[in-house]
Amino acid sequence: MIFKRRNPRTTLRTVAEFFWPRGGWRRAATYVLHRMRRLPDSPERICIGIAAGVYVSFLPIWGLHFLSAATVAWIFRGNILAALLGTFYGNPITFPLMAVSALETGHWLVGGEVRLTVGATLHAIGEAGGEFWHNVMTTITGEPAHWSRIVEVFHEVYLPYFLGGVVAGIPFALATYYIHLPLIRAYQKMRQKRLKHRFEAARERQRAAQTGEPT
């Protein structure tokens, strides 16, 4: 196949690069920011898209962040590609901050007495996920299904996490919008000046070639 890797990545390498990309997170962040600035759209729409990507990163909807970011960007008339790039702000480095903000806000909203750490929260969600797939397989194995753990985790863990993410993500999304807006405006103006200078220089060389004048 044309786009197939010459040396396919192993599962261990794929997981390792998720937590630490080749070249490091600084290089990955620089690439994402470079792609954001060069998007062919207005600064406002680009920043709405980035903010949408940051916002959904606070929600415990793993595996659906791209789709959710694109949907939020579409609703608020933002740039969808910028929204997809914006989800990269939710990475293994920033995830603990996002999770703690969402959990603390969620427990405050629902008045929960039990305050779980990020690790305990992920462990509980993982156990509930294991129970869910066990129940799915019971349709084949005939074993009895158990839903008590899933209901318990939903009310005590997932619901506070989700509600907290909905609220906690708003100020971060707004901050993202207003921080990126002047930067992208300045970059686009500077890029337009460079392109205009290149165009004028090329036109001058063409005129000189036609008239025989030295450049």
Protein backbone atom coordinates (compact mmCIF):
# COMPACT_ATOMS: atom_id res chain seq x y z
CA MET A 1 0.00 0.00 0.00
CA ILE A 2 1.20 3.53 -0.79
CA PHE A 3 0.65 5.05 2.66
CA LYS A 4 1.55 1.97 4.68
CA ARG A 5 4.45 2.31 7.10
CA ARG A 6 7.67 0.61 6.01
CA ASN A 7 8.29 -0.44 9.62
CA PRO A 8 4.92 -0.87 11.36
CA ARG A 9 4.76 0.46 14.94
CA THR A 10 4.31 -2.05 17.72
CA THR A 11 1.52 -1.63 20.26
CA LEU A 12 4.05 -0.75 22.95
CA ARG A 13 5.62 1.93 20.75
CA THR A 14 2.20 3.40 19.90
CA VAL A 15 1.31 3.70 23.58
CA ALA A 16 4.74 5.14 24.40
CA GLU A 17 4.44 7.79 21.66
CA PHE A 18 1.01 8.77 22.95
CA PHE A 19 2.55 9.75 26.28
CA TRP A 20 5.80 11.05 24.78
CA PRO A 21 5.74 11.85 21.02
CA ARG A 22 8.87 11.50 18.95
CA GLY A 23 10.76 14.77 19.34
CA GLY A 24 9.05 15.52 22.66
CA TRP A 25 5.94 17.45 23.61
CA ARG A 26 7.61 20.79 22.88
CA ARG A 27 8.07 19.88 19.24
CA ALA A 28 4.54 18.44 19.03
CA ALA A 29 3.08 21.61 20.57
CA THR A 30 5.08 23.80 18.19
CA TYR A 31 3.75 21.83 15.22
CA VAL A 32 0.13 22.10 16.39
CA LEU A 33 0.44 25.86 17.00
CA HIS A 34 2.05 26.29 13.58
CA ARG A 35 -0.83 24.44 11.93
CA MET A 36 -3.38 26.54 13.85
CA ARG A 37 -1.85 29.83 12.74
CA ARG A 38 -1.76 28.81 9.08
CA LEU A 39 -5.42 27.76 8.84
CA PRO A 40 -7.17 29.63 5.97
CA ASP A 41 -9.95 31.21 8.02
CA SER A 42 -10.69 34.31 10.09
CA PRO A 43 -8.93 34.59 13.47
CA GLU A 44 -12.29 34.59 15.25
CA ARG A 45 -13.45 31.32 13.69
CA ILE A 46 -10.07 29.68 14.29
CA CYS A 47 -10.08 30.71 17.96
CA ILE A 48 -13.63 29.45 18.43
CA GLY A 49 -12.51 26.12 17.06
CA ILE A 50 -9.47 25.97 19.35
CA ALA A 51 -11.64 26.87 22.35
CA ALA A 52 -14.08 24.10 21.40
CA GLY A 53 -11.24 21.58 21.36
CA VAL A 54 -10.03 22.71 24.77
CA TYR A 55 -13.56 22.67 26.18
CA VAL A 56 -14.39 19.07 25.26
CA SER A 57 -11.01 17.95 26.64
CA PHE A 58 -12.47 18.51 30.11
CA LEU A 59 -15.22 15.96 29.49
CA PRO A 60 -14.81 12.23 30.25
CA ILE A 61 -15.82 11.17 26.73
CA TRP A 62 -12.62 9.41 25.73
CA GLY A 63 -12.63 8.32 22.12
CA LEU A 64 -15.25 10.94 21.20
CA HIS A 65 -13.25 14.14 21.72
CA PHE A 66 -12.64 14.73 18.00
CA LEU A 67 -16.31 14.27 17.10
CA SER A 68 -17.48 16.34 20.08
CA ALA A 69 -15.02 19.16 19.32
CA ALA A 70 -16.13 19.26 15.69
CA THR A 71 -19.78 19.37 16.78
CA VAL A 72 -19.23 22.21 19.28
CA ALA A 73 -17.21 24.17 16.70
CA TRP A 74 -19.97 23.68 14.11
CA ILE A 75 -22.63 24.89 16.55
CA PHE A 76 -20.69 28.07 17.35
CA ARG A 77 -19.57 28.58 13.73
CA GLY A 78 -15.93 27.87 14.49
CA ASN A 79 -13.25 26.26 12.36
CA ILE A 80 -13.64 22.49 12.64
CA LEU A 81 -10.01 21.67 11.84
CA ALA A 82 -8.92 24.13 14.53
CA ALA A 83 -11.22 22.30 16.94
CA LEU A 84 -9.54 18.99 16.15
CA LEU A 85 -6.13 20.56 16.70
CA GLY A 86 -7.39 22.18 19.90
CA THR A 87 -8.06 18.77 21.46
CA PHE A 88 -4.29 18.24 21.59
CA TYR A 89 -4.28 20.63 24.54
CA GLY A 90 -5.81 17.70 26.39
CA ASN A 91 -2.72 15.51 26.62
CA PRO A 92 -1.11 13.38 29.35
CA ILE A 93 0.65 16.49 30.70
CA THR A 94 -2.45 18.70 31.04
CA PHE A 95 -4.93 15.90 31.73
CA PRO A 96 -4.38 15.81 35.54
CA LEU A 97 -5.15 19.54 35.79
CA MET A 98 -8.29 19.17 33.68
CA ALA A 99 -9.45 16.09 35.57
CA VAL A 100 -8.91 17.65 39.00
CA SER A 101 -10.73 20.84 37.94
CA ALA A 102 -13.67 18.83 36.60
CA LEU A 103 -13.85 16.50 39.60
CA GLU A 104 -13.66 19.26 42.19
CA THR A 105 -16.28 21.32 40.36
CA GLY A 106 -18.50 18.28 39.91
CA HIS A 107 -18.38 17.29 43.58
CA TRP A 108 -19.22 20.87 44.51
CA LEU A 109 -22.21 20.87 42.14
CA VAL A 110 -23.72 17.58 43.29
CA GLY A 111 -22.64 17.95 46.91
CA GLY A 112 -20.86 14.61 46.94
CA GLU A 113 -19.24 13.59 50.21
CA VAL A 114 -16.77 11.19 48.60
CA ARG A 115 -13.98 13.01 46.77
CA LEU A 116 -11.96 10.65 44.61
CA THR A 117 -8.51 11.30 43.24
CA VAL A 118 -7.84 11.20 39.50
CA GLY A 119 -6.28 7.75 39.79
CA ALA A 120 -9.17 6.36 41.83
CA THR A 121 -11.66 7.88 39.38
CA LEU A 122 -10.02 6.26 36.36
CA HIS A 123 -9.79 2.95 38.24
CA ALA A 124 -13.50 3.05 39.08
CA ILE A 125 -14.44 3.91 35.49
CA GLY A 126 -12.22 1.09 34.26
CA GLU A 127 -13.93 -1.38 36.58
CA ALA A 128 -17.34 -0.21 35.38
CA GLY A 129 -16.20 -0.61 31.78
CA GLY A 130 -15.03 -4.14 32.53
CA GLU A 131 -18.38 -4.96 34.07
CA PHE A 132 -20.17 -3.52 31.05
CA TRP A 133 -18.27 -5.74 28.61
CA HIS A 134 -18.83 -8.71 30.89
CA ASN A 135 -22.56 -8.04 30.69
CA VAL A 136 -22.35 -7.77 26.91
CA MET A 137 -20.64 -11.18 26.75
CA THR A 138 -23.34 -12.73 28.93
CA THR A 139 -25.57 -12.75 25.84
CA ILE A 140 -23.18 -15.40 24.51
CA THR A 141 -21.94 -17.14 27.66
CA GLY A 142 -25.28 -17.20 29.45
CA GLU A 143 -23.73 -16.00 32.72
CA PRO A 144 -25.75 -13.65 34.95
CA ALA A 145 -25.30 -9.92 34.30
CA HIS A 146 -24.46 -7.44 37.03
CA TRP A 147 -25.21 -3.72 36.73
CA SER A 148 -24.78 -2.52 40.30
CA ARG A 149 -21.17 -1.37 39.86
CA ILE A 150 -21.98 0.54 36.68
CA VAL A 151 -24.89 2.37 38.33
CA GLU A 152 -22.78 3.17 41.38
CA VAL A 153 -19.85 4.51 39.33
CA PHE A 154 -22.18 6.54 37.13
CA HIS A 155 -23.80 8.38 40.06
CA GLU A 156 -20.74 8.74 42.30
CA VAL A 157 -17.95 9.20 39.75
CA TYR A 158 -18.92 9.73 36.12
CA LEU A 159 -21.84 12.13 36.65
CA PRO A 160 -19.85 14.54 38.88
CA TYR A 161 -16.90 14.30 36.50
CA PHE A 162 -19.07 15.07 33.46
CA LEU A 163 -21.06 17.91 35.07
CA GLY A 164 -17.87 19.38 36.50
CA GLY A 165 -16.21 19.24 33.09
CA VAL A 166 -19.16 21.02 31.49
CA VAL A 167 -18.80 23.91 33.96
CA ALA A 168 -15.02 23.95 34.52
CA GLY A 169 -14.29 23.87 30.80
CA ILE A 170 -16.07 27.19 30.15
CA PRO A 171 -13.54 29.61 31.74
CA PHE A 172 -10.63 27.69 30.22
CA ALA A 173 -12.26 27.80 26.79
CA LEU A 174 -12.88 31.55 27.09
CA ALA A 175 -9.30 32.12 28.21
CA THR A 176 -8.07 30.06 25.27
CA TYR A 177 -10.11 32.16 22.85
CA TYR A 178 -8.90 35.53 24.13
CA ILE A 179 -5.27 34.42 24.46
CA HIS A 180 -5.06 33.02 20.92
CA LEU A 181 -7.05 35.76 19.17
CA PRO A 182 -4.40 38.55 19.19
CA LEU A 183 -1.65 36.03 18.43
CA ILE A 184 -3.39 34.64 15.35
CA ARG A 185 -4.39 38.12 14.17
CA ALA A 186 -0.78 39.30 14.44
CA TYR A 187 0.52 36.18 12.68
CA GLN A 188 -1.93 36.50 9.80
CA LYS A 189 -1.09 40.19 9.30
CA MET A 190 2.62 39.42 9.33
CA ARG A 191 2.13 36.55 6.90
CA GLN A 192 0.08 38.74 4.56
CA LYS A 193 2.88 41.32 4.58
CA ARG A 194 5.45 38.64 3.73
CA LEU A 195 3.32 37.31 0.89
CA LYS A 196 2.74 40.83 -0.42
CA HIS A 197 6.49 41.53 -0.31
CA ARG A 198 7.23 38.29 -2.18
CA PHE A 199 4.59 39.09 -4.80
CA GLU A 200 5.93 42.60 -5.35
CA ALA A 201 9.50 41.29 -5.55
CA ALA A 202 8.49 38.66 -8.12
CA ARG A 203 6.58 41.26 -10.14
CA GLU A 204 9.62 43.56 -10.05
CA ARG A 205 11.88 40.76 -11.30
CA GLN A 206 9.42 39.99 -14.10
CA ARG A 207 9.28 43.65 -15.12
CA ALA A 208 13.06 43.89 -15.08
CA ALA A 209 13.37 40.77 -17.22
CA GLN A 210 10.95 42.19 -19.78
CA THR A 211 12.72 45.56 -20.01
CA GLY A 212 16.24 44.19 -19.73
CA GLU A 213 16.99 46.22 -16.61
CA PRO A 214 19.29 44.72 -13.96
CA THR A 215 17.51 43.52 -10.78
